[in-house]
Amino acid sequence: MRAKPSFLLQLRAMLMLVAWLVVSGSVQPAPARADASSPHAPASSTVSWHRDIATAKAASAASGRQMIVIFTASWNEPSSRFEAALNRSLEATTLLSACFEPIRIHVSDDPWTTRRMGVSNVPAACIIDEQENVLVNFDCPATAESFVAAVCKASREAAVASIARTEPNPGDLPAAMEATTTLPSETGVVEPPVVAAAVEPTDVMPVEQLGLEGYCPVSVVTQESWIPGDPEITSTHRGRTYRFAGDAEKRAFEANPDWYAPAFSGDDAVLASRQGLVVAGKRAYSAAYKSRLYLFSSPDTRSAFVANPETYIRRTQIARGQTPTTRVVR
């Protein structure tokens, strides 16, 4: 399934709308869709809330807008403050109504969806796809201005995550992915990004366990630079522990770890193919091929891969019981 270009157009329109609202403040919000009979529906809300996710999915399919779910609780003081701030903000309510298909869930009314989407604190928000997968989640800030900024940032991350879940044809990556990823080549091996930070991260665990030598994998893809990760912000995936530059990067990684992590968990594909060895690669001997980052344990194995990448990719996939694809998904 290919990514909907309407999401990208909607994202661009959303950012333009926010900028215009800040300058003019004159746009009137859309009429509310909220169920007036709901005991939890805020009487003064101007957000066009959907009653449930099923209704929002149908609307999203027609409009091409992202779906955002806001979780609140009437017994929760931060939720009450958030709702009051939201209802007073023309920018926030218009942004939700004009650029999203918004759903509001009271956690006491729908605890199953709350648990399924991994919500543990309220107020919180999730941007979901048409299969109800959580692309991005975040805690709702107390002020409307901070909420607008958080929504815009989450929408950009969700657009990237949504594209990453698709299988693009070789040589036909969406333009938005080419603009936001540091690994756009579809025709040959290219050099990895340059090191942006002068300070090397201090490792306290074996290289066999630490992914990307402690650098943030999301920053490599989205910011085109090697940024040391925070040892306190980590996530483990396929035998490697990855560090992240911040909580947002960690959430993006956990929404689609196979996109951000290096291919074959960072193991040397040439040694795996030739000798059946599992040897961790090094960032110093890295290469990018077909929008994936590969790590190698020596200059020789990197050179062998560069000369014939498809051979080593297929052999390593077969050795690990994987089906060869044009884009490696471990």
C-alpha atoms as a PDB file:
ATOM      1  CA  MET A   1       0.000   0.000   0.000  1.00  0.00           C
ATOM      2  CA  ARG A   2       1.477   3.350  -0.938  1.00  0.00           C
ATOM      3  CA  ALA A   3       1.454   6.423   1.273  1.00  0.00           C
ATOM      4  CA  LYS A   4      -1.320   8.898   0.576  1.00  0.00           C
ATOM      5  CA  PRO A   5       0.131  12.102  -0.845  1.00  0.00           C
ATOM      6  CA  SER A   6      -2.875  13.907   0.642  1.00  0.00           C
ATOM      7  CA  PHE A   7      -1.303  13.518   4.092  1.00  0.00           C
ATOM      8  CA  LEU A   8       1.730  15.466   2.904  1.00  0.00           C
ATOM      9  CA  LEU A   9      -0.391  18.144   1.267  1.00  0.00           C
ATOM     10  CA  GLN A  10      -2.468  18.365   4.433  1.00  0.00           C
ATOM     11  CA  LEU A  11       0.660  18.769   6.546  1.00  0.00           C
ATOM     12  CA  ARG A  12       1.879  21.616   4.353  1.00  0.00           C
ATOM     13  CA  ALA A  13      -1.556  23.259   4.500  1.00  0.00           C
ATOM     14  CA  MET A  14      -1.679  22.834   8.264  1.00  0.00           C
ATOM     15  CA  LEU A  15       1.627  24.628   8.816  1.00  0.00           C
ATOM     16  CA  MET A  16       0.519  27.451   6.538  1.00  0.00           C
ATOM     17  CA  LEU A  17      -2.774  27.705   8.424  1.00  0.00           C
ATOM     18  CA  VAL A  18      -1.056  27.938  11.803  1.00  0.00           C
ATOM     19  CA  ALA A  19       1.228  30.700  10.571  1.00  0.00           C
ATOM     20  CA  TRP A  20      -1.710  32.611   9.118  1.00  0.00           C
ATOM     21  CA  LEU A  21      -3.750  32.231  12.296  1.00  0.00           C
ATOM     22  CA  VAL A  22      -0.948  33.627  14.400  1.00  0.00           C
ATOM     23  CA  VAL A  23      -0.788  36.696  12.184  1.00  0.00           C
ATOM     24  CA  SER A  24      -4.474  37.317  11.575  1.00  0.00           C
ATOM     25  CA  GLY A  25      -6.417  35.485  14.290  1.00  0.00           C
ATOM     26  CA  SER A  26      -9.538  36.023  12.183  1.00  0.00           C
ATOM     27  CA  VAL A  27     -10.576  32.552  11.015  1.00  0.00           C
ATOM     28  CA  GLN A  28     -13.732  31.202  12.581  1.00  0.00           C
ATOM     29  CA  PRO A  29     -13.616  27.545  13.673  1.00  0.00           C
ATOM     30  CA  ALA A  30     -15.757  24.884  12.055  1.00  0.00           C
ATOM     31  CA  PRO A  31     -19.075  23.982  13.719  1.00  0.00           C
ATOM     32  CA  ALA A  32     -18.875  21.281  16.385  1.00  0.00           C
ATOM     33  CA  ARG A  33     -19.720  17.661  15.600  1.00  0.00           C
ATOM     34  CA  ALA A  34     -19.595  16.552  19.232  1.00  0.00           C
ATOM     35  CA  ASP A  35     -22.416  14.493  20.629  1.00  0.00           C
ATOM     36  CA  ALA A  36     -24.306  16.938  22.814  1.00  0.00           C
ATOM     37  CA  SER A  37     -25.793  14.079  24.832  1.00  0.00           C
ATOM     38  CA  SER A  38     -22.374  12.904  26.029  1.00  0.00           C
ATOM     39  CA  PRO A  39     -21.917  13.727  29.705  1.00  0.00           C
ATOM     40  CA  HIS A  40     -18.275  14.504  29.093  1.00  0.00           C
ATOM     41  CA  ALA A  41     -18.606  16.758  26.034  1.00  0.00           C
ATOM     42  CA  PRO A  42     -17.378  20.276  26.941  1.00  0.00           C
ATOM     43  CA  ALA A  43     -20.237  22.698  26.426  1.00  0.00           C
ATOM     44  CA  SER A  44     -18.035  25.494  25.099  1.00  0.00           C
ATOM     45  CA  SER A  45     -15.875  23.366  22.806  1.00  0.00           C
ATOM     46  CA  THR A  46     -15.569  24.493  19.209  1.00  0.00           C
ATOM     47  CA  VAL A  47     -13.552  21.478  18.053  1.00  0.00           C
ATOM     48  CA  SER A  48     -15.326  19.271  15.522  1.00  0.00           C
ATOM     49  CA  TRP A  49     -14.989  16.093  17.597  1.00  0.00           C
ATOM     50  CA  HIS A  50     -15.894  12.729  16.147  1.00  0.00           C
ATOM     51  CA  ARG A  51     -17.957  10.435  18.345  1.00  0.00           C
ATOM     52  CA  ASP A  52     -15.715   7.408  17.775  1.00  0.00           C
ATOM     53  CA  ILE A  53     -12.705   6.161  15.829  1.00  0.00           C
ATOM     54  CA  ALA A  54     -14.822   4.357  13.221  1.00  0.00           C
ATOM     55  CA  THR A  55     -16.517   7.626  12.241  1.00  0.00           C
ATOM     56  CA  ALA A  56     -13.178   9.416  12.125  1.00  0.00           C
ATOM     57  CA  LYS A  57     -11.668   6.702   9.899  1.00  0.00           C
ATOM     58  CA  ALA A  58     -14.444   7.128   7.353  1.00  0.00           C
ATOM     59  CA  ALA A  59     -13.955  10.896   7.382  1.00  0.00           C
ATOM     60  CA  SER A  60     -10.176  10.542   7.125  1.00  0.00           C
ATOM     61  CA  ALA A  61     -10.490   8.280   4.089  1.00  0.00           C
ATOM     62  CA  ALA A  62     -12.523  10.973   2.359  1.00  0.00           C
ATOM     63  CA  SER A  63     -10.573  14.043   3.493  1.00  0.00           C
ATOM     64  CA  GLY A  64      -7.013  12.690   3.624  1.00  0.00           C
ATOM     65  CA  ARG A  65      -6.545  14.278   7.046  1.00  0.00           C
ATOM     66  CA  GLN A  66      -4.644  12.606   9.859  1.00  0.00           C
ATOM     67  CA  MET A  67      -6.611  11.240  12.807  1.00  0.00           C
ATOM     68  CA  ILE A  68      -5.737  12.542  16.259  1.00  0.00           C
ATOM     69  CA  VAL A  69      -7.148  11.080  19.466  1.00  0.00           C
ATOM     70  CA  ILE A  70      -7.239  13.230  22.610  1.00  0.00           C
ATOM     71  CA  PHE A  71      -7.546  11.364  25.928  1.00  0.00           C
ATOM     72  CA  THR A  72      -8.893  13.222  28.957  1.00  0.00           C
ATOM     73  CA  ALA A  73     -10.602  12.492  32.282  1.00  0.00           C
ATOM     74  CA  SER A  74     -13.209  14.565  34.128  1.00  0.00           C
ATOM     75  CA  TRP A  75     -11.665  13.630  37.492  1.00  0.00           C
ATOM     76  CA  ASN A  76      -8.192  14.744  36.425  1.00  0.00           C
ATOM     77  CA  GLU A  77      -7.194  18.330  37.193  1.00  0.00           C
ATOM     78  CA  PRO A  78      -4.574  18.610  34.393  1.00  0.00           C
ATOM     79  CA  SER A  79      -7.253  17.441  31.945  1.00  0.00           C
ATOM     80  CA  SER A  80      -9.626  20.141  33.142  1.00  0.00           C
ATOM     81  CA  ARG A  81      -6.970  22.823  32.766  1.00  0.00           C
ATOM     82  CA  PHE A  82      -6.031  21.549  29.319  1.00  0.00           C
ATOM     83  CA  GLU A  83      -9.636  21.541  28.094  1.00  0.00           C
ATOM     84  CA  ALA A  84     -10.209  25.056  29.411  1.00  0.00           C
ATOM     85  CA  ALA A  85      -7.078  26.318  27.655  1.00  0.00           C
ATOM     86  CA  LEU A  86      -8.033  24.494  24.448  1.00  0.00           C
ATOM     87  CA  ASN A  87     -11.554  25.932  24.373  1.00  0.00           C
ATOM     88  CA  ARG A  88     -10.215  29.466  24.792  1.00  0.00           C
ATOM     89  CA  SER A  89      -7.717  29.173  21.939  1.00  0.00           C
ATOM     90  CA  LEU A  90      -8.892  29.979  18.420  1.00  0.00           C
ATOM     91  CA  GLU A  91      -5.595  28.735  16.949  1.00  0.00           C
ATOM     92  CA  ALA A  92      -5.759  25.348  18.700  1.00  0.00           C
ATOM     93  CA  THR A  93      -9.425  24.616  18.043  1.00  0.00           C
ATOM     94  CA  THR A  94      -9.246  25.714  14.417  1.00  0.00           C
ATOM     95  CA  LEU A  95      -6.092  23.658  13.871  1.00  0.00           C
ATOM     96  CA  LEU A  96      -7.779  20.504  15.171  1.00  0.00           C
ATOM     97  CA  SER A  97     -11.008  21.051  13.232  1.00  0.00           C
ATOM     98  CA  ALA A  98      -9.502  22.223   9.939  1.00  0.00           C
ATOM     99  CA  CYS A  99      -6.454  19.965   9.669  1.00  0.00           C
ATOM    100  CA  PHE A 100      -7.341  16.735  11.479  1.00  0.00           C
ATOM    101  CA  GLU A 101     -10.143  14.287  12.064  1.00  0.00           C
ATOM    102  CA  PRO A 102     -10.163  14.647  15.875  1.00  0.00           C
ATOM    103  CA  ILE A 103     -11.571  12.124  18.350  1.00  0.00           C
ATOM    104  CA  ARG A 104     -11.973  12.816  22.053  1.00  0.00           C
ATOM    105  CA  ILE A 105     -11.996   9.839  24.416  1.00  0.00           C
ATOM    106  CA  HIS A 106     -12.769  10.004  28.094  1.00  0.00           C
ATOM    107  CA  VAL A 107     -10.627   7.298  29.664  1.00  0.00           C
ATOM    108  CA  SER A 108     -13.410   6.145  32.007  1.00  0.00           C
ATOM    109  CA  ASP A 109     -15.801   5.724  29.076  1.00  0.00           C
ATOM    110  CA  ASP A 110     -13.397   3.732  26.897  1.00  0.00           C
ATOM    111  CA  PRO A 111     -10.660   2.092  29.017  1.00  0.00           C
ATOM    112  CA  TRP A 112     -10.051  -0.572  26.354  1.00  0.00           C
ATOM    113  CA  THR A 113      -8.952   1.913  23.682  1.00  0.00           C
ATOM    114  CA  THR A 114      -6.980   3.822  26.304  1.00  0.00           C
ATOM    115  CA  ARG A 115      -4.972   0.713  27.203  1.00  0.00           C
ATOM    116  CA  ARG A 116      -4.658  -0.450  23.589  1.00  0.00           C
ATOM    117  CA  MET A 117      -3.045   2.836  22.567  1.00  0.00           C
ATOM    118  CA  GLY A 118      -0.634   2.756  25.490  1.00  0.00           C
ATOM    119  CA  VAL A 119      -2.003   5.826  27.275  1.00  0.00           C
ATOM    120  CA  SER A 120      -0.962   5.927  30.927  1.00  0.00           C
ATOM    121  CA  ASN A 121      -1.220   9.663  31.661  1.00  0.00           C
ATOM    122  CA  VAL A 122      -3.871  12.235  30.777  1.00  0.00           C
ATOM    123  CA  PRO A 123      -4.310  14.525  29.022  1.00  0.00           C
ATOM    124  CA  ALA A 124      -2.555  12.802  26.133  1.00  0.00           C
ATOM    125  CA  ALA A 125      -2.814  12.604  22.352  1.00  0.00           C
ATOM    126  CA  CYS A 126      -2.112   9.990  19.674  1.00  0.00           C
ATOM    127  CA  ILE A 127      -1.933  10.336  15.904  1.00  0.00           C
ATOM    128  CA  ILE A 128      -3.105   7.067  14.361  1.00  0.00           C
ATOM    129  CA  ASP A 129      -3.252   5.534  10.886  1.00  0.00           C
ATOM    130  CA  GLU A 130      -6.125   3.808   9.105  1.00  0.00           C
ATOM    131  CA  GLN A 131      -5.308   0.504  10.864  1.00  0.00           C
ATOM    132  CA  GLU A 132      -5.481   2.327  14.226  1.00  0.00           C
ATOM    133  CA  ASN A 133      -1.732   1.939  14.742  1.00  0.00           C
ATOM    134  CA  VAL A 134      -0.262   4.686  16.918  1.00  0.00           C
ATOM    135  CA  LEU A 135       2.213   6.644  14.789  1.00  0.00           C
ATOM    136  CA  VAL A 136       3.082   9.254  17.413  1.00  0.00           C
ATOM    137  CA  ASN A 137       1.911   9.877  20.969  1.00  0.00           C
ATOM    138  CA  PHE A 138       2.607  12.734  23.371  1.00  0.00           C
ATOM    139  CA  ASP A 139       1.395  14.310  26.596  1.00  0.00           C
ATOM    140  CA  CYS A 140      -0.750  17.391  26.027  1.00  0.00           C
ATOM    141  CA  PRO A 141       0.930  20.576  27.327  1.00  0.00           C
ATOM    142  CA  ALA A 142      -0.997  22.803  29.708  1.00  0.00           C
ATOM    143  CA  THR A 143      -0.971  25.880  27.440  1.00  0.00           C
ATOM    144  CA  ALA A 144      -2.678  26.162  24.063  1.00  0.00           C
ATOM    145  CA  GLU A 145       0.435  27.643  22.439  1.00  0.00           C
ATOM    146  CA  SER A 146       2.566  24.692  23.513  1.00  0.00           C
ATOM    147  CA  PHE A 147      -0.156  22.295  22.416  1.00  0.00           C
ATOM    148  CA  VAL A 148      -0.229  23.781  18.899  1.00  0.00           C
ATOM    149  CA  ALA A 149       3.555  23.403  18.649  1.00  0.00           C
ATOM    150  CA  ALA A 150       3.364  19.813  19.927  1.00  0.00           C
ATOM    151  CA  VAL A 151       0.631  18.904  17.435  1.00  0.00           C
ATOM    152  CA  CYS A 152       2.580  20.329  14.491  1.00  0.00           C
ATOM    153  CA  LYS A 153       5.735  18.458  15.506  1.00  0.00           C
ATOM    154  CA  ALA A 154       3.797  15.223  16.033  1.00  0.00           C
ATOM    155  CA  SER A 155       2.102  15.595  12.662  1.00  0.00           C
ATOM    156  CA  ARG A 156       5.482  15.839  10.897  1.00  0.00           C
ATOM    157  CA  GLU A 157       6.752  12.759  12.733  1.00  0.00           C
ATOM    158  CA  ALA A 158       3.555  10.855  11.937  1.00  0.00           C
ATOM    159  CA  ALA A 159       3.828  11.714   8.245  1.00  0.00           C
ATOM    160  CA  VAL A 160       7.345  10.254   8.156  1.00  0.00           C
ATOM    161  CA  ALA A 161       6.244   7.171  10.107  1.00  0.00           C
ATOM    162  CA  SER A 162       3.271   6.673   7.794  1.00  0.00           C
ATOM    163  CA  ILE A 163       5.503   6.780   4.720  1.00  0.00           C
ATOM    164  CA  ALA A 164       8.002   4.423   6.339  1.00  0.00           C
ATOM    165  CA  ARG A 165       5.281   1.798   6.835  1.00  0.00           C
ATOM    166  CA  THR A 166       4.733   1.568   3.071  1.00  0.00           C
ATOM    167  CA  GLU A 167       6.826  -0.305   0.514  1.00  0.00           C
ATOM    168  CA  PRO A 168       8.004   2.215  -2.105  1.00  0.00           C
ATOM    169  CA  ASN A 169       8.996   1.049  -5.562  1.00  0.00           C
ATOM    170  CA  PRO A 170      12.754   1.185  -6.291  1.00  0.00           C
ATOM    171  CA  GLY A 171      13.744   4.662  -7.433  1.00  0.00           C
ATOM    172  CA  ASP A 172      10.354   6.085  -6.466  1.00  0.00           C
ATOM    173  CA  LEU A 173      10.582   7.258  -2.860  1.00  0.00           C
ATOM    174  CA  PRO A 174       8.028   9.985  -2.052  1.00  0.00           C
ATOM    175  CA  ALA A 175       9.396  13.496  -2.303  1.00  0.00           C
ATOM    176  CA  ALA A 176       8.751  14.158   1.397  1.00  0.00           C
ATOM    177  CA  MET A 177      10.884  11.183   2.414  1.00  0.00           C
ATOM    178  CA  GLU A 178      13.693  12.353   0.136  1.00  0.00           C
ATOM    179  CA  ALA A 179      13.557  15.711   1.875  1.00  0.00           C
ATOM    180  CA  THR A 180      13.595  14.349   5.430  1.00  0.00           C
ATOM    181  CA  THR A 181      15.886  11.330   5.246  1.00  0.00           C
ATOM    182  CA  THR A 182      19.648  11.305   5.041  1.00  0.00           C
ATOM    183  CA  LEU A 183      19.674   8.069   3.019  1.00  0.00           C
ATOM    184  CA  PRO A 184      17.800   8.818  -0.245  1.00  0.00           C
ATOM    185  CA  SER A 185      19.859   6.822  -2.723  1.00  0.00           C
ATOM    186  CA  GLU A 186      18.016   4.130  -4.654  1.00  0.00           C
ATOM    187  CA  THR A 187      20.675   3.475  -7.277  1.00  0.00           C
ATOM    188  CA  GLY A 188      23.919   2.920  -5.431  1.00  0.00           C
ATOM    189  CA  VAL A 189      25.923   3.040  -2.233  1.00  0.00           C
ATOM    190  CA  VAL A 190      26.483   6.501  -0.782  1.00  0.00           C
ATOM    191  CA  GLU A 191      28.467   7.908   2.106  1.00  0.00           C
ATOM    192  CA  PRO A 192      26.743   8.171   5.494  1.00  0.00           C
ATOM    193  CA  PRO A 193      26.143  11.572   7.090  1.00  0.00           C
ATOM    194  CA  VAL A 194      28.987  13.519   8.575  1.00  0.00           C
ATOM    195  CA  VAL A 195      29.545  13.589  12.308  1.00  0.00           C
ATOM    196  CA  ALA A 196      27.864  16.672  13.730  1.00  0.00           C
ATOM    197  CA  ALA A 197      29.055  16.308  17.318  1.00  0.00           C
ATOM    198  CA  ALA A 198      32.699  16.566  18.359  1.00  0.00           C
ATOM    199  CA  VAL A 199      32.182  14.686  21.625  1.00  0.00           C
ATOM    200  CA  GLU A 200      32.024  10.919  21.383  1.00  0.00           C
ATOM    201  CA  PRO A 201      29.396   9.261  23.624  1.00  0.00           C
ATOM    202  CA  THR A 202      30.720   7.427  26.663  1.00  0.00           C
ATOM    203  CA  ASP A 203      29.719   3.753  26.462  1.00  0.00           C
ATOM    204  CA  VAL A 204      29.180   1.652  29.552  1.00  0.00           C
ATOM    205  CA  MET A 205      27.939  -1.455  27.777  1.00  0.00           C
ATOM    206  CA  PRO A 206      29.588  -3.787  25.240  1.00  0.00           C
ATOM    207  CA  VAL A 207      29.520  -2.678  21.610  1.00  0.00           C
ATOM    208  CA  GLU A 208      27.677  -5.904  20.828  1.00  0.00           C
ATOM    209  CA  GLN A 209      24.710  -4.577  22.823  1.00  0.00           C
ATOM    210  CA  LEU A 210      24.878  -0.827  22.174  1.00  0.00           C
ATOM    211  CA  GLY A 211      23.247   0.153  18.895  1.00  0.00           C
ATOM    212  CA  LEU A 212      25.020   2.660  16.627  1.00  0.00           C
ATOM    213  CA  GLU A 213      27.712   3.103  19.294  1.00  0.00           C
ATOM    214  CA  GLY A 214      25.341   5.251  21.327  1.00  0.00           C
ATOM    215  CA  TYR A 215      24.317   7.661  18.586  1.00  0.00           C
ATOM    216  CA  CYS A 216      20.646   8.478  18.002  1.00  0.00           C
ATOM    217  CA  PRO A 217      19.294   6.471  15.012  1.00  0.00           C
ATOM    218  CA  VAL A 218      16.365   8.839  14.500  1.00  0.00           C
ATOM    219  CA  SER A 219      18.669  11.848  14.188  1.00  0.00           C
ATOM    220  CA  VAL A 220      20.611  10.031  11.460  1.00  0.00           C
ATOM    221  CA  VAL A 221      17.428   9.613   9.413  1.00  0.00           C
ATOM    222  CA  THR A 222      15.593  12.863  10.127  1.00  0.00           C
ATOM    223  CA  GLN A 223      18.369  15.397  10.784  1.00  0.00           C
ATOM    224  CA  GLU A 224      21.170  14.043   8.579  1.00  0.00           C
ATOM    225  CA  SER A 225      23.672  14.039  11.429  1.00  0.00           C
ATOM    226  CA  TRP A 226      25.223  11.811  14.064  1.00  0.00           C
ATOM    227  CA  ILE A 227      24.052  13.047  17.454  1.00  0.00           C
ATOM    228  CA  PRO A 228      25.041  11.254  20.678  1.00  0.00           C
ATOM    229  CA  GLY A 229      22.056   9.748  22.463  1.00  0.00           C
ATOM    230  CA  ASP A 230      21.136  10.264  26.092  1.00  0.00           C
ATOM    231  CA  PRO A 231      22.038   7.177  28.211  1.00  0.00           C
ATOM    232  CA  GLU A 232      18.829   7.800  30.171  1.00  0.00           C
ATOM    233  CA  ILE A 233      16.594   7.670  27.061  1.00  0.00           C
ATOM    234  CA  THR A 234      16.859   4.210  25.537  1.00  0.00           C
ATOM    235  CA  SER A 235      14.918   1.471  23.769  1.00  0.00           C
ATOM    236  CA  THR A 236      15.940  -2.103  23.013  1.00  0.00           C
ATOM    237  CA  HIS A 237      15.253  -3.629  19.593  1.00  0.00           C
ATOM    238  CA  ARG A 238      16.502  -6.921  18.135  1.00  0.00           C
ATOM    239  CA  GLY A 239      19.298  -7.347  20.657  1.00  0.00           C
ATOM    240  CA  ARG A 240      20.591  -3.763  20.543  1.00  0.00           C
ATOM    241  CA  THR A 241      19.971  -0.935  22.996  1.00  0.00           C
ATOM    242  CA  TYR A 242      19.599   2.404  21.218  1.00  0.00           C
ATOM    243  CA  ARG A 243      20.001   5.818  22.789  1.00  0.00           C
ATOM    244  CA  PHE A 244      18.064   8.863  21.651  1.00  0.00           C
ATOM    245  CA  ALA A 245      18.602  12.600  21.563  1.00  0.00           C
ATOM    246  CA  GLY A 246      15.239  13.154  23.259  1.00  0.00           C
ATOM    247  CA  ASP A 247      11.875  11.666  24.152  1.00  0.00           C
ATOM    248  CA  ALA A 248      10.373  12.609  20.773  1.00  0.00           C
ATOM    249  CA  GLU A 249      13.064  10.655  18.946  1.00  0.00           C
ATOM    250  CA  LYS A 250      12.441   7.651  21.184  1.00  0.00           C
ATOM    251  CA  ARG A 251       8.696   7.739  20.444  1.00  0.00           C
ATOM    252  CA  ALA A 252       9.353   7.974  16.700  1.00  0.00           C
ATOM    253  CA  PHE A 253      11.740   5.005  16.870  1.00  0.00           C
ATOM    254  CA  GLU A 254       9.357   2.823  18.853  1.00  0.00           C
ATOM    255  CA  ALA A 255       6.556   3.538  16.371  1.00  0.00           C
ATOM    256  CA  ASN A 256       8.645   1.962  13.566  1.00  0.00           C
ATOM    257  CA  PRO A 257      12.011   0.677  14.821  1.00  0.00           C
ATOM    258  CA  ASP A 258      12.938  -1.308  11.695  1.00  0.00           C
ATOM    259  CA  TRP A 259      12.939   1.890   9.646  1.00  0.00           C
ATOM    260  CA  TYR A 260      15.327   3.792  11.907  1.00  0.00           C
ATOM    261  CA  ALA A 261      17.618   0.962  13.069  1.00  0.00           C
ATOM    262  CA  PRO A 262      20.524  -0.046  10.827  1.00  0.00           C
ATOM    263  CA  ALA A 263      19.977  -3.059   8.588  1.00  0.00           C
ATOM    264  CA  PHE A 264      20.637  -6.480  10.139  1.00  0.00           C
ATOM    265  CA  SER A 265      20.728  -4.801  13.577  1.00  0.00           C
ATOM    266  CA  GLY A 266      24.079  -3.266  12.657  1.00  0.00           C
ATOM    267  CA  ASP A 267      25.861  -6.594  12.071  1.00  0.00           C
ATOM    268  CA  ASP A 268      28.391  -6.959   9.251  1.00  0.00           C
ATOM    269  CA  ALA A 269      26.411  -8.373   6.307  1.00  0.00           C
ATOM    270  CA  VAL A 270      29.544  -9.452   4.440  1.00  0.00           C
ATOM    271  CA  LEU A 271      30.877 -11.617   7.273  1.00  0.00           C
ATOM    272  CA  ALA A 272      27.395 -13.040   7.813  1.00  0.00           C
ATOM    273  CA  SER A 273      27.159 -13.901   4.128  1.00  0.00           C
ATOM    274  CA  ARG A 274      30.685 -15.290   3.642  1.00  0.00           C
ATOM    275  CA  GLN A 275      31.363 -17.052   6.946  1.00  0.00           C
ATOM    276  CA  GLY A 276      28.086 -17.144   8.845  1.00  0.00           C
ATOM    277  CA  LEU A 277      29.570 -14.913  11.546  1.00  0.00           C
ATOM    278  CA  VAL A 278      27.622 -12.439  13.643  1.00  0.00           C
ATOM    279  CA  VAL A 279      29.976  -9.495  14.094  1.00  0.00           C
ATOM    280  CA  ALA A 280      28.859  -6.009  15.091  1.00  0.00           C
ATOM    281  CA  GLY A 281      29.654  -3.333  12.538  1.00  0.00           C
ATOM    282  CA  LYS A 282      31.219   0.035  13.308  1.00  0.00           C
ATOM    283  CA  ARG A 283      29.964   3.497  12.485  1.00  0.00           C
ATOM    284  CA  ALA A 284      33.366   4.331  10.976  1.00  0.00           C
ATOM    285  CA  TYR A 285      32.762   1.693   8.285  1.00  0.00           C
ATOM    286  CA  SER A 286      29.165   2.495   7.368  1.00  0.00           C
ATOM    287  CA  ALA A 287      27.424   2.826   4.022  1.00  0.00           C
ATOM    288  CA  ALA A 288      23.934   3.722   2.855  1.00  0.00           C
ATOM    289  CA  TYR A 289      22.147   1.709   0.214  1.00  0.00           C
ATOM    290  CA  LYS A 290      18.503   1.936  -0.890  1.00  0.00           C
ATOM    291  CA  SER A 291      17.621   4.191   2.021  1.00  0.00           C
ATOM    292  CA  ARG A 292      19.078   1.855   4.665  1.00  0.00           C
ATOM    293  CA  LEU A 293      22.204   2.224   6.778  1.00  0.00           C
ATOM    294  CA  TYR A 294      24.641  -0.722   6.851  1.00  0.00           C
ATOM    295  CA  LEU A 295      27.539  -1.116   9.284  1.00  0.00           C
ATOM    296  CA  PHE A 296      30.706  -3.137   8.692  1.00  0.00           C
ATOM    297  CA  SER A 297      33.506  -4.341  10.927  1.00  0.00           C
ATOM    298  CA  SER A 298      36.396  -3.370   8.646  1.00  0.00           C
ATOM    299  CA  PRO A 299      37.236  -1.342   5.515  1.00  0.00           C
ATOM    300  CA  ASP A 300      37.606  -4.587   3.570  1.00  0.00           C
ATOM    301  CA  THR A 301      34.103  -5.844   4.249  1.00  0.00           C
ATOM    302  CA  ARG A 302      32.680  -2.410   3.518  1.00  0.00           C
ATOM    303  CA  SER A 303      34.503  -2.302   0.174  1.00  0.00           C
ATOM    304  CA  ALA A 304      33.204  -5.775  -0.688  1.00  0.00           C
ATOM    305  CA  PHE A 305      29.648  -4.666   0.043  1.00  0.00           C
ATOM    306  CA  VAL A 306      29.986  -1.471  -1.988  1.00  0.00           C
ATOM    307  CA  ALA A 307      31.141  -3.517  -4.990  1.00  0.00           C
ATOM    308  CA  ASN A 308      28.122  -5.844  -4.914  1.00  0.00           C
ATOM    309  CA  PRO A 309      25.530  -4.903  -2.277  1.00  0.00           C
ATOM    310  CA  GLU A 310      22.565  -6.938  -3.550  1.00  0.00           C
ATOM    311  CA  THR A 311      24.502 -10.195  -3.333  1.00  0.00           C
ATOM    312  CA  TYR A 312      25.347  -9.735   0.326  1.00  0.00           C
ATOM    313  CA  ILE A 313      21.880  -8.456   1.231  1.00  0.00           C
ATOM    314  CA  ARG A 314      20.153 -11.492  -0.295  1.00  0.00           C
ATOM    315  CA  ARG A 315      22.615 -14.017   1.143  1.00  0.00           C
ATOM    316  CA  THR A 316      22.309 -12.537   4.624  1.00  0.00           C
ATOM    317  CA  GLN A 317      18.524 -12.463   4.408  1.00  0.00           C
ATOM    318  CA  ILE A 318      18.406 -16.099   3.356  1.00  0.00           C
ATOM    319  CA  ALA A 319      20.847 -17.104   6.107  1.00  0.00           C
ATOM    320  CA  ARG A 320      18.602 -15.415   8.660  1.00  0.00           C
ATOM    321  CA  GLY A 321      15.433 -16.940   7.276  1.00  0.00           C
ATOM    322  CA  GLN A 322      14.168 -13.711   5.715  1.00  0.00           C
ATOM    323  CA  THR A 323      12.462 -13.167   2.392  1.00  0.00           C
ATOM    324  CA  PRO A 324      14.592 -10.971   0.103  1.00  0.00           C
ATOM    325  CA  THR A 325      12.946  -7.610  -0.568  1.00  0.00           C
ATOM    326  CA  THR A 326      13.917  -4.375  -2.294  1.00  0.00           C
ATOM    327  CA  ARG A 327      13.934  -2.690   1.113  1.00  0.00           C
ATOM    328  CA  VAL A 328      15.237  -4.705   4.033  1.00  0.00           C
ATOM    329  CA  VAL A 329      12.759  -5.211   6.849  1.00  0.00           C
ATOM    330  CA  ARG A 330      14.256  -7.288   9.592  1.00  0.00           C
END
